[in-house]
Amino acid sequence: MRTLRNTMILAFLILQAPFIIQAQEEKNQAYYIHEDQVKPSMIQEYEMVSKDFMEACKEHNIQELKWQVASTSTGRYFTISPIENMAELDKNVMATLYEKMGEEAFGEMFTRFNKCYDKHGDYIIYLNKELTYMPEGISTTTEGQNYRKWHFMNVTPNNIQNLKGKLKELKALYTKKGSKEYYRIYHSGFGTMGDYYLAVVSAIDAEDYAKKSKENEVLLGEEGEKLFQELFGYVDEYKTESGGMRPELGYAPEQ
């Protein structure tokens, strides 16, 4: 059994190698994501209990927890926490809150959460600094620009490096043209089914995003159009989501 287990772990590492190597070599920032796919009828209740959860952490000044929240127009809520390494997943970050709230109150809060969705899960993604285009400095918090457009580019294992190469070319073109449309690139990690790159664009609102996108399209011209066609030639499936950051649902402990 031990031999079988070791063989399975080795096989998993080999399959994940392209993205694991990127994360190690480029020292990309890892994020632990908890995603709740909230029922349309329960969005109001979900946000109420999310605020109650955040307020409980504030009241007890929980030091082990820190997160941001983003939500999409389709009811997906992402609780986003930076982590230094996989070892952090072994920590019971809820232990202090459980102790201070008590079993009954703590359990009741998560019973309320569980009524709001039928599907939820956890995974890790990496902010790929090499491919990100933010010439004034990389930051996930863009002040005054809480609107988000997420571009998901699913890719098969044999095209990962090809797509990465085109994303490098895209960043070079944006840099050469001095584009004002900044973006961050993430790639999938542990806990995700399949491989993908994710481009995230910040804006003030949907109108501001559309304006920036149109101006950028004109700026890049035929060279940009050609490059995007080549890039999407390596994309197995492409999807977009719109939504935004929800600072009123996030939490950071007082120091």
Protein backbone atom coordinates (compact mmCIF):
# COMPACT_ATOMS: atom_id res chain seq x y z
CA MET A 1 0.00 0.00 0.00
CA ARG A 2 2.86 2.38 0.82
CA THR A 3 4.41 1.75 -2.61
CA LEU A 4 1.05 2.40 -4.33
CA ARG A 5 0.55 5.61 -2.35
CA ASN A 6 4.05 6.89 -3.22
CA THR A 7 3.46 6.06 -6.89
CA MET A 8 0.18 8.01 -6.87
CA ILE A 9 1.82 11.04 -5.24
CA LEU A 10 4.66 10.95 -7.78
CA ALA A 11 2.15 10.77 -10.64
CA PHE A 12 0.26 13.76 -9.24
CA LEU A 13 3.46 15.81 -8.96
CA ILE A 14 4.45 14.95 -12.53
CA LEU A 15 1.05 16.05 -13.84
CA GLN A 16 1.21 19.30 -11.85
CA ALA A 17 4.87 19.94 -12.69
CA PRO A 18 4.49 22.80 -15.22
CA PHE A 19 2.62 25.02 -12.76
CA ILE A 20 4.49 23.84 -9.64
CA ILE A 21 7.83 24.69 -11.27
CA GLN A 22 6.55 28.12 -12.25
CA ALA A 23 5.43 28.79 -8.68
CA GLN A 24 8.78 27.78 -7.23
CA GLU A 25 11.05 29.45 -9.77
CA GLU A 26 9.19 32.74 -10.00
CA LYS A 27 8.20 32.92 -6.31
CA ASN A 28 4.61 33.67 -7.24
CA GLN A 29 2.15 34.59 -4.50
CA ALA A 30 -0.18 31.74 -3.59
CA TYR A 31 -3.80 32.35 -2.58
CA TYR A 32 -6.12 29.99 -0.78
CA ILE A 33 -9.60 30.34 -2.29
CA HIS A 34 -12.85 29.21 -0.72
CA GLU A 35 -15.63 29.42 -3.31
CA ASP A 36 -19.34 29.36 -2.47
CA GLN A 37 -21.81 29.04 -5.34
CA VAL A 38 -24.73 30.82 -3.71
CA LYS A 39 -28.35 30.19 -4.67
CA PRO A 40 -29.97 33.28 -6.23
CA SER A 41 -32.72 33.28 -3.59
CA MET A 42 -30.14 33.15 -0.75
CA ILE A 43 -27.72 35.92 -1.77
CA GLN A 44 -29.16 38.42 0.73
CA GLU A 45 -29.00 35.89 3.57
CA TYR A 46 -25.48 34.82 2.56
CA GLU A 47 -24.22 38.40 2.71
CA MET A 48 -25.90 38.93 6.08
CA VAL A 49 -24.21 35.89 7.64
CA SER A 50 -20.91 36.85 5.96
CA LYS A 51 -21.07 40.22 7.72
CA ASP A 52 -21.94 38.51 11.00
CA PHE A 53 -18.93 36.23 10.57
CA MET A 54 -16.67 39.20 9.85
CA GLU A 55 -18.04 41.09 12.87
CA ALA A 56 -17.42 38.07 15.12
CA CYS A 57 -13.79 38.01 13.99
CA LYS A 58 -13.51 41.74 14.69
CA GLU A 59 -15.13 41.43 18.11
CA HIS A 60 -12.68 38.73 19.18
CA ASN A 61 -9.73 40.22 17.20
CA ILE A 62 -8.92 36.89 15.56
CA GLN A 63 -5.28 37.06 14.46
CA GLU A 64 -5.16 33.80 12.50
CA LEU A 65 -7.61 34.92 9.81
CA LYS A 66 -7.34 37.46 7.00
CA TRP A 67 -9.33 37.54 3.78
CA GLN A 68 -10.77 39.55 0.91
CA VAL A 69 -14.06 38.74 -0.80
CA ALA A 70 -15.02 38.98 -4.47
CA SER A 71 -18.36 38.07 -6.01
CA THR A 72 -19.59 37.56 -9.55
CA SER A 73 -22.92 38.41 -11.14
CA THR A 74 -23.64 34.66 -11.27
CA GLY A 75 -23.53 34.21 -7.48
CA ARG A 76 -20.00 32.90 -7.05
CA TYR A 77 -18.36 34.27 -3.89
CA PHE A 78 -14.60 33.96 -3.48
CA THR A 79 -12.99 34.26 -0.05
CA ILE A 80 -9.34 35.01 -0.84
CA SER A 81 -6.47 34.55 1.63
CA PRO A 82 -2.74 34.85 0.84
CA ILE A 83 -0.60 31.95 2.04
CA GLU A 84 3.16 31.48 2.19
CA ASN A 85 3.27 27.74 1.60
CA MET A 86 1.22 24.54 1.62
CA ALA A 87 2.08 23.92 5.28
CA GLU A 88 -0.33 26.70 6.24
CA LEU A 89 -3.19 24.44 5.17
CA ASP A 90 -2.45 22.24 8.20
CA LYS A 91 -3.33 25.06 10.63
CA ASN A 92 -6.76 25.13 12.25
CA VAL A 93 -7.34 28.84 11.73
CA MET A 94 -10.88 28.60 13.14
CA ALA A 95 -9.81 27.21 16.52
CA THR A 96 -9.60 30.55 18.35
CA LEU A 97 -12.91 31.81 16.96
CA TYR A 98 -14.58 28.51 17.91
CA GLU A 99 -13.21 28.77 21.43
CA LYS A 100 -14.28 32.39 21.93
CA MET A 101 -17.73 32.09 20.33
CA GLY A 102 -18.58 28.75 21.85
CA GLU A 103 -19.74 25.58 20.13
CA GLU A 104 -23.42 26.55 19.85
CA ALA A 105 -22.97 30.05 18.36
CA PHE A 106 -20.16 28.91 16.06
CA GLY A 107 -22.16 25.97 14.76
CA GLU A 108 -25.31 28.07 14.26
CA MET A 109 -23.38 30.54 12.11
CA PHE A 110 -22.12 27.84 9.76
CA THR A 111 -25.56 26.22 9.65
CA ARG A 112 -26.80 29.54 8.27
CA PHE A 113 -23.97 29.54 5.71
CA ASN A 114 -24.74 25.98 4.58
CA LYS A 115 -28.36 26.84 3.76
CA CYS A 116 -27.17 29.34 1.14
CA TYR A 117 -25.47 26.98 -1.31
CA ASP A 118 -25.37 23.41 -2.54
CA LYS A 119 -21.81 23.59 -3.90
CA HIS A 120 -18.65 25.01 -2.37
CA GLY A 121 -14.98 24.09 -2.29
CA ASP A 122 -11.36 25.06 -1.74
CA TYR A 123 -8.35 25.41 -4.03
CA ILE A 124 -5.15 27.34 -4.55
CA ILE A 125 -4.21 29.76 -7.34
CA TYR A 126 -0.97 31.64 -7.96
CA LEU A 127 -0.46 35.27 -8.97
CA ASN A 128 1.99 34.96 -11.86
CA LYS A 129 4.21 38.01 -11.57
CA GLU A 130 6.16 37.24 -14.74
CA LEU A 131 3.04 37.45 -16.91
CA THR A 132 1.20 40.24 -15.05
CA TYR A 133 1.09 43.68 -16.66
CA MET A 134 1.06 46.39 -13.99
CA PRO A 135 3.95 48.74 -14.87
CA GLU A 136 3.40 50.94 -11.81
CA GLY A 137 3.75 47.99 -9.44
CA ILE A 138 1.82 44.77 -8.89
CA SER A 139 -1.07 45.05 -6.46
CA THR A 140 -4.34 43.14 -6.08
CA THR A 141 -5.98 46.10 -4.32
CA THR A 142 -6.70 48.80 -6.91
CA GLU A 143 -8.05 51.78 -4.98
CA GLY A 144 -11.27 53.17 -6.41
CA GLN A 145 -11.51 50.29 -8.89
CA ASN A 146 -13.49 47.51 -7.27
CA TYR A 147 -15.12 46.33 -10.50
CA ARG A 148 -13.56 43.12 -11.86
CA LYS A 149 -13.61 41.28 -15.17
CA TRP A 150 -12.29 37.73 -14.97
CA HIS A 151 -11.06 36.02 -18.16
CA PHE A 152 -10.67 32.25 -17.70
CA MET A 153 -8.50 30.49 -20.28
CA ASN A 154 -8.64 26.73 -19.86
CA VAL A 155 -5.66 24.96 -21.40
CA THR A 156 -4.72 21.33 -22.01
CA PRO A 157 -1.42 20.10 -20.51
CA ASN A 158 0.32 19.91 -23.90
CA ASN A 159 -0.43 23.60 -24.59
CA ILE A 160 0.48 25.13 -21.21
CA GLN A 161 3.92 26.30 -22.31
CA ASN A 162 2.62 27.50 -25.70
CA LEU A 163 -0.04 29.62 -24.02
CA LYS A 164 2.45 30.94 -21.51
CA GLY A 165 4.72 32.00 -24.38
CA LYS A 166 1.87 33.96 -26.01
CA LEU A 167 1.04 35.62 -22.68
CA LYS A 168 4.67 36.75 -22.48
CA GLU A 169 4.35 38.22 -25.97
CA LEU A 170 1.12 39.94 -24.94
CA LYS A 171 2.77 41.59 -21.95
CA ALA A 172 5.64 42.75 -24.19
CA LEU A 173 3.16 44.27 -26.66
CA TYR A 174 1.23 46.06 -23.90
CA THR A 175 4.54 47.40 -22.58
CA LYS A 176 5.73 48.58 -25.99
CA LYS A 177 2.43 50.34 -26.68
CA GLY A 178 2.17 51.82 -23.19
CA SER A 179 -1.29 50.36 -22.62
CA LYS A 180 -3.39 51.80 -19.79
CA GLU A 181 -5.37 48.57 -19.44
CA TYR A 182 -3.55 46.80 -16.62
CA TYR A 183 -4.13 43.15 -15.76
CA ARG A 184 -3.00 40.41 -13.41
CA ILE A 185 -2.41 36.83 -14.52
CA TYR A 186 -3.10 33.89 -12.20
CA HIS A 187 -2.66 30.21 -12.87
CA SER A 188 -4.40 27.21 -11.34
CA GLY A 189 -2.83 25.18 -8.58
CA PHE A 190 -3.61 22.47 -6.05
CA GLY A 191 -7.26 21.48 -5.79
CA THR A 192 -8.39 22.56 -9.25
CA MET A 193 -9.59 20.14 -11.93
CA GLY A 194 -7.79 20.97 -15.15
CA ASP A 195 -5.35 23.76 -15.90
CA TYR A 196 -6.14 27.39 -16.63
CA TYR A 197 -4.73 30.88 -16.75
CA LEU A 198 -6.86 33.70 -15.41
CA ALA A 199 -6.55 37.34 -16.48
CA VAL A 200 -8.13 39.84 -14.06
CA VAL A 201 -8.83 43.45 -15.07
CA SER A 202 -9.85 46.15 -12.57
CA ALA A 203 -12.02 49.15 -13.38
CA ILE A 204 -14.29 51.69 -11.71
CA ASP A 205 -17.41 50.06 -13.14
CA ALA A 206 -18.64 48.19 -16.22
CA GLU A 207 -18.73 51.40 -18.29
CA ASP A 208 -15.13 52.24 -17.36
CA TYR A 209 -14.04 48.70 -18.24
CA ALA A 210 -15.71 48.87 -21.65
CA LYS A 211 -14.08 52.25 -22.35
CA LYS A 212 -10.60 51.00 -21.40
CA SER A 213 -11.07 47.82 -23.43
CA LYS A 214 -12.11 49.74 -26.55
CA GLU A 215 -9.24 52.22 -26.24
CA ASN A 216 -6.80 49.35 -25.77
CA GLU A 217 -8.14 47.54 -28.82
CA VAL A 218 -7.49 50.65 -30.94
CA LEU A 219 -4.04 51.13 -29.38
CA LEU A 220 -2.88 47.55 -30.08
CA GLY A 221 -4.30 47.63 -33.60
CA GLU A 222 -3.70 44.84 -36.11
CA GLU A 223 -0.64 43.63 -34.19
CA GLY A 224 -2.78 43.03 -31.12
CA GLU A 225 -5.59 41.41 -33.09
CA LYS A 226 -3.14 38.96 -34.66
CA LEU A 227 -1.53 38.12 -31.31
CA PHE A 228 -4.88 37.48 -29.62
CA GLN A 229 -5.86 35.13 -32.44
CA GLU A 230 -2.63 33.19 -31.95
CA LEU A 231 -3.09 33.17 -28.17
CA PHE A 232 -6.64 31.79 -28.35
CA GLY A 233 -5.38 29.09 -30.67
CA TYR A 234 -3.92 27.45 -27.56
CA VAL A 235 -7.00 28.00 -25.34
CA ASP A 236 -9.22 24.95 -24.91
CA GLU A 237 -12.15 26.90 -23.43
CA TYR A 238 -12.64 30.61 -22.75
CA LYS A 239 -15.11 32.08 -20.24
CA THR A 240 -15.60 35.49 -18.64
CA GLU A 241 -17.21 36.59 -15.38
CA SER A 242 -17.98 40.10 -14.18
CA GLY A 243 -18.44 41.31 -10.64
CA GLY A 244 -16.28 43.02 -8.07
CA MET A 245 -14.43 43.13 -4.81
CA ARG A 246 -16.54 43.32 -1.67
CA PRO A 247 -14.46 45.19 0.94
CA GLU A 248 -17.42 45.28 3.35
CA LEU A 249 -17.20 41.48 3.63
CA GLY A 250 -13.40 41.24 4.05
CA TYR A 251 -11.42 41.05 7.27
CA ALA A 252 -7.95 41.96 8.52
CA PRO A 253 -7.00 41.68 12.22
CA GLU A 254 -5.94 44.66 14.27
CA GLN A 255 -2.25 44.56 15.09
